[in-house]
Amino acid sequence: MEVIALQSGSNGNCIYVEAGGKQLLFDAGISGARAEKRLAQHGRDIRDVDALIISHDHSDHTRCMGVYHRKFGLPIHVTDETMSALERKNRIGRVDDVQRFKSGSTLDFGHVRVETIKTPHDAVDGLAFIVDDGSNRLGILTDLGHVFSGLDYLLSTLDAVIIESNYDTEMLASGPYPEALKRRISGPGGHLSNAESADLLLRSASRTMQWVCMGHLSQHNNEPDLVIETHRAALGTQFPLFVADRYAGQTLPLLKPR
């Protein structure tokens, strides 16, 4: 299984996963031109992608969804609730190939299964994902809201994970955001902090975990070095740690079969 974090953060999210002969994109929060260029830099053609899978309706995950469909011919996989929310916002333009599914269901792409996990993030129908190709299980766990029931178990089943580590508690508290926004970010529908992510991994990461990539960092309330420092202090050196870039594509280590 191969994973490329094309971009991760409040300025746009898009993750590429290649497994079992299938090429999948998760979210479309960066421009079509940027996604095409970054995949080409890693030897991939975006037009070969088999499916674009959408996690929730927020613009940093969906703003270019229609472009990916119209320009590159990608079929869109999205829940009814998320699609309805986007149509109400008039954000997507014309789309002709929309595969609707229910949150909590499993999507089948040949030998690859994508489990959809409902989250308490403050979206209409927010989802996290597990990609299982029969040899490895990858978690794409961002925009989680809070550490909800069942999340510990999910982590214990994974071989790698992209997990949100959105903010440093002290930076958020002393930063420039209005108090209402600070409460939203740190509240039950917001995001995980560095400490929450590190504690969750310490408690529940599987023995087969090959790497962890922290993502969805806040531009104003976090720093990559601080993310690594917080996680290293909790986790030591039991597995490699990476931070997904807010502005560039990043190839993560090839996952080896169990």
Protein backbone atom coordinates (compact mmCIF):
# COMPACT_ATOMS: atom_id res chain seq x y z
CA MET A 1 0.00 0.00 0.00
CA GLU A 2 1.32 3.44 -1.01
CA VAL A 3 0.22 6.71 0.55
CA ILE A 4 0.84 10.30 -0.55
CA ALA A 5 -0.38 13.19 1.58
CA LEU A 6 -0.92 15.74 -1.17
CA GLN A 7 -1.82 18.40 1.40
CA SER A 8 -3.19 18.46 4.95
CA GLY A 9 -4.40 21.41 6.99
CA SER A 10 -7.18 23.95 7.30
CA ASN A 11 -6.03 25.40 3.94
CA GLY A 12 -6.91 22.19 2.09
CA ASN A 13 -6.86 18.40 2.37
CA CYS A 14 -6.25 15.63 -0.16
CA ILE A 15 -4.82 12.14 0.45
CA TYR A 16 -3.87 9.58 -2.23
CA VAL A 17 -3.86 5.85 -1.47
CA GLU A 18 -2.82 3.11 -3.91
CA ALA A 19 -3.60 -0.46 -2.94
CA GLY A 20 -4.72 -3.70 -4.53
CA GLY A 21 -4.45 -2.21 -8.01
CA LYS A 22 -6.80 0.65 -7.07
CA GLN A 23 -6.03 4.37 -6.84
CA LEU A 24 -8.16 6.36 -4.42
CA LEU A 25 -8.32 10.03 -3.49
CA PHE A 26 -9.73 11.13 -0.17
CA ASP A 27 -11.12 14.68 -0.25
CA ALA A 28 -10.68 17.51 -2.73
CA GLY A 29 -9.67 20.57 -0.75
CA ILE A 30 -6.86 21.67 -3.08
CA SER A 31 -7.15 22.87 -6.66
CA GLY A 32 -7.32 20.41 -9.52
CA ALA A 33 -4.13 21.85 -11.00
CA ARG A 34 -2.29 21.42 -7.70
CA ALA A 35 -3.53 17.85 -7.18
CA GLU A 36 -2.62 16.94 -10.77
CA LYS A 37 0.87 18.44 -10.47
CA ARG A 38 1.66 16.86 -7.12
CA LEU A 39 0.56 13.43 -8.25
CA ALA A 40 2.60 13.82 -11.45
CA GLN A 41 5.64 14.67 -9.34
CA HIS A 42 5.20 11.22 -7.78
CA GLY A 43 4.68 9.46 -11.11
CA ARG A 44 0.89 9.27 -11.05
CA ASP A 45 -1.78 10.56 -13.40
CA ILE A 46 -4.83 11.90 -11.59
CA ARG A 47 -7.01 10.67 -14.46
CA ASP A 48 -6.17 7.09 -13.45
CA VAL A 49 -7.77 7.54 -10.01
CA ASP A 50 -10.66 5.12 -9.51
CA ALA A 51 -12.66 7.11 -6.94
CA LEU A 52 -12.81 10.40 -5.08
CA ILE A 53 -14.15 9.76 -1.57
CA ILE A 54 -15.43 12.71 0.47
CA SER A 55 -15.23 12.84 4.26
CA HIS A 56 -17.55 15.78 5.02
CA ASP A 57 -18.95 19.04 3.70
CA HIS A 58 -16.41 21.59 5.00
CA SER A 59 -14.76 23.56 2.22
CA ASP A 60 -11.18 22.56 3.08
CA HIS A 61 -12.20 19.03 2.05
CA THR A 62 -14.63 19.70 -0.80
CA ARG A 63 -13.99 23.05 -2.50
CA CYS A 64 -12.69 21.47 -5.73
CA MET A 65 -14.76 18.30 -5.76
CA GLY A 66 -16.68 19.31 -8.87
CA VAL A 67 -13.49 20.26 -10.69
CA TYR A 68 -11.93 16.83 -10.06
CA HIS A 69 -15.06 15.27 -11.52
CA ARG A 70 -15.46 17.50 -14.57
CA LYS A 71 -11.79 17.96 -15.48
CA PHE A 72 -10.44 14.51 -14.68
CA GLY A 73 -13.53 12.30 -14.85
CA LEU A 74 -13.33 11.06 -11.27
CA PRO A 75 -16.47 9.42 -9.85
CA ILE A 76 -17.48 10.96 -6.53
CA HIS A 77 -18.36 8.81 -3.52
CA VAL A 78 -20.22 10.80 -0.88
CA THR A 79 -23.02 10.36 1.65
CA ASP A 80 -26.52 11.61 0.91
CA GLU A 81 -26.35 14.10 3.77
CA THR A 82 -23.02 15.58 2.70
CA MET A 83 -24.08 15.84 -0.93
CA SER A 84 -27.34 17.57 0.05
CA ALA A 85 -25.42 20.05 2.20
CA LEU A 86 -23.05 20.86 -0.66
CA GLU A 87 -25.92 21.31 -3.09
CA ARG A 88 -27.59 23.75 -0.68
CA LYS A 89 -24.37 25.73 -0.54
CA ASN A 90 -24.06 25.74 -4.37
CA ARG A 91 -20.38 24.89 -4.07
CA ILE A 92 -19.83 22.05 -6.49
CA GLY A 93 -21.26 22.88 -9.92
CA ARG A 94 -22.37 20.18 -12.33
CA VAL A 95 -21.62 16.58 -11.39
CA ASP A 96 -22.82 13.54 -13.32
CA ASP A 97 -21.25 10.51 -11.61
CA VAL A 98 -22.09 10.51 -7.90
CA GLN A 99 -22.02 7.24 -5.96
CA ARG A 100 -23.96 7.81 -2.74
CA PHE A 101 -23.45 5.70 0.36
CA LYS A 102 -24.51 5.62 3.99
CA SER A 103 -22.14 6.64 6.77
CA GLY A 104 -20.89 3.57 8.59
CA SER A 105 -21.03 1.40 5.47
CA THR A 106 -18.07 -0.25 3.75
CA LEU A 107 -17.14 0.65 0.17
CA ASP A 108 -15.73 -2.11 -2.03
CA PHE A 109 -13.18 -1.41 -4.77
CA GLY A 110 -12.09 -4.83 -6.01
CA HIS A 111 -9.87 -6.31 -3.32
CA VAL A 112 -9.79 -3.01 -1.40
CA ARG A 113 -12.37 -2.13 1.23
CA VAL A 114 -12.89 1.34 2.67
CA GLU A 115 -14.62 1.34 6.04
CA THR A 116 -16.42 4.60 6.82
CA ILE A 117 -16.47 5.68 10.46
CA LYS A 118 -18.94 8.31 11.62
CA THR A 119 -17.31 11.06 13.70
CA PRO A 120 -18.68 13.74 16.08
CA HIS A 121 -16.95 16.54 14.15
CA ASP A 122 -19.28 19.51 13.59
CA ALA A 123 -20.04 18.64 9.98
CA VAL A 124 -23.33 17.45 8.53
CA ASP A 125 -22.17 13.83 8.28
CA GLY A 126 -18.47 13.64 9.09
CA LEU A 127 -16.47 10.49 8.39
CA ALA A 128 -13.08 8.97 9.04
CA PHE A 129 -11.80 6.06 6.93
CA ILE A 130 -10.01 2.73 7.20
CA VAL A 131 -8.46 1.42 3.97
CA ASP A 132 -7.99 -2.37 4.05
CA ASP A 133 -6.35 -4.22 1.15
CA GLY A 134 -6.17 -7.59 2.92
CA SER A 135 -2.51 -7.09 3.81
CA ASN A 136 -2.57 -3.73 5.62
CA ARG A 137 -5.02 -1.40 7.32
CA LEU A 138 -4.50 2.36 6.98
CA GLY A 139 -6.46 4.86 9.05
CA ILE A 140 -7.32 8.35 7.77
CA LEU A 141 -8.49 9.88 11.02
CA THR A 142 -8.88 13.65 10.85
CA ASP A 143 -11.64 16.09 11.81
CA LEU A 144 -12.60 13.76 14.64
CA GLY A 145 -14.35 16.17 17.02
CA HIS A 146 -13.10 14.38 20.12
CA VAL A 147 -11.83 10.96 21.21
CA PHE A 148 -15.10 9.14 20.70
CA SER A 149 -16.14 5.63 21.72
CA GLY A 150 -14.54 2.99 19.51
CA LEU A 151 -11.61 5.11 18.37
CA ASP A 152 -9.17 3.29 20.67
CA TYR A 153 -10.21 -0.05 19.22
CA LEU A 154 -9.84 1.21 15.64
CA LEU A 155 -6.28 2.34 16.32
CA SER A 156 -5.45 -1.06 17.75
CA THR A 157 -6.27 -2.65 14.36
CA LEU A 158 -4.14 -0.39 12.14
CA ASP A 159 -0.75 -0.77 10.45
CA ALA A 160 -0.40 2.98 9.76
CA VAL A 161 -2.43 6.09 10.42
CA ILE A 162 -2.80 9.69 9.35
CA ILE A 163 -4.23 11.29 12.48
CA GLU A 164 -5.14 14.85 13.24
CA SER A 165 -2.99 16.81 15.66
CA ASN A 166 -4.57 20.17 15.05
CA TYR A 167 -3.47 22.51 17.82
CA ASP A 168 -1.23 23.07 20.80
CA THR A 169 -3.36 23.88 23.83
CA GLU A 170 -1.23 26.81 25.00
CA MET A 171 -0.88 28.31 21.52
CA LEU A 172 -4.64 28.15 21.01
CA ALA A 173 -5.37 29.72 24.40
CA SER A 174 -2.97 32.63 23.87
CA GLY A 175 -3.49 33.00 20.13
CA PRO A 176 -5.43 35.53 18.03
CA TYR A 177 -8.65 33.60 17.48
CA PRO A 178 -11.94 34.89 18.94
CA GLU A 179 -13.04 33.06 22.08
CA ALA A 180 -15.99 31.46 20.31
CA LEU A 181 -13.71 29.95 17.69
CA LYS A 182 -11.28 28.72 20.35
CA ARG A 183 -14.16 26.97 22.10
CA ARG A 184 -15.30 25.44 18.83
CA ILE A 185 -11.84 24.05 18.01
CA SER A 186 -11.24 22.58 21.47
CA GLY A 187 -14.86 21.50 21.98
CA PRO A 188 -16.53 18.15 21.30
CA GLY A 189 -17.18 18.97 17.64
CA GLY A 190 -13.77 20.43 16.85
CA HIS A 191 -10.33 18.85 16.60
CA LEU A 192 -7.80 16.85 18.59
CA SER A 193 -4.90 18.67 20.21
CA ASN A 194 -1.29 17.48 20.08
CA ALA A 195 -1.61 16.07 23.59
CA GLU A 196 -4.88 14.28 22.83
CA SER A 197 -3.43 12.69 19.69
CA ALA A 198 -0.27 11.60 21.52
CA ASP A 199 -2.23 10.18 24.47
CA LEU A 200 -4.54 8.27 22.16
CA LEU A 201 -1.62 6.72 20.29
CA LEU A 202 0.20 5.87 23.50
CA ARG A 203 -2.87 4.11 24.80
CA SER A 204 -4.06 2.30 21.70
CA ALA A 205 -1.57 2.11 18.81
CA SER A 206 -1.24 -1.46 17.59
CA ARG A 207 1.92 -3.53 17.84
CA THR A 208 1.91 -3.74 14.05
CA MET A 209 1.98 0.06 13.58
CA GLN A 210 4.59 0.83 10.90
CA TRP A 211 4.32 4.63 11.00
CA VAL A 212 2.19 7.51 12.21
CA CYS A 213 1.65 10.75 10.28
CA MET A 214 0.15 13.69 12.16
CA GLY A 215 -1.96 15.97 10.01
CA HIS A 216 -4.51 18.77 9.77
CA LEU A 217 -2.23 21.16 11.70
CA SER A 218 -3.52 24.64 12.44
CA GLN A 219 -1.56 27.41 10.77
CA HIS A 220 -1.81 29.72 13.80
CA ASN A 221 -2.06 27.34 16.75
CA ASN A 222 0.60 24.73 16.05
CA GLU A 223 4.10 24.08 14.74
CA PRO A 224 5.46 20.87 13.13
CA ASP A 225 8.41 20.75 15.53
CA LEU A 226 6.05 21.04 18.48
CA VAL A 227 3.90 18.22 17.12
CA ILE A 228 6.91 15.91 16.86
CA GLU A 229 8.19 16.97 20.29
CA THR A 230 4.85 16.27 21.98
CA HIS A 231 4.44 12.88 20.34
CA ARG A 232 8.04 11.80 20.90
CA ALA A 233 7.76 12.68 24.60
CA ALA A 234 4.76 10.39 24.90
CA LEU A 235 5.66 7.62 22.46
CA GLY A 236 9.44 7.45 22.43
CA THR A 237 10.83 5.74 19.35
CA GLN A 238 8.45 2.81 19.03
CA PHE A 239 7.52 3.76 15.43
CA PRO A 240 8.48 6.48 12.89
CA LEU A 241 6.63 9.80 13.10
CA PHE A 242 5.87 12.19 10.25
CA VAL A 243 3.99 15.47 9.88
CA ALA A 244 1.86 16.03 6.77
CA ASP A 245 2.79 19.26 5.00
CA ARG A 246 0.31 22.13 4.65
CA TYR A 247 1.84 23.25 1.35
CA ALA A 248 3.40 20.28 -0.45
CA GLY A 249 2.94 16.62 -1.32
CA GLN A 250 4.65 14.03 0.82
CA THR A 251 5.23 10.34 0.12
CA LEU A 252 4.92 8.20 3.22
CA PRO A 253 6.81 4.90 3.65
CA LEU A 254 5.54 1.95 1.65
CA LEU A 255 3.46 -0.29 3.89
CA LYS A 256 4.79 -3.83 4.13
CA PRO A 257 2.33 -6.73 4.37
CA ARG A 258 1.92 -8.14 7.85
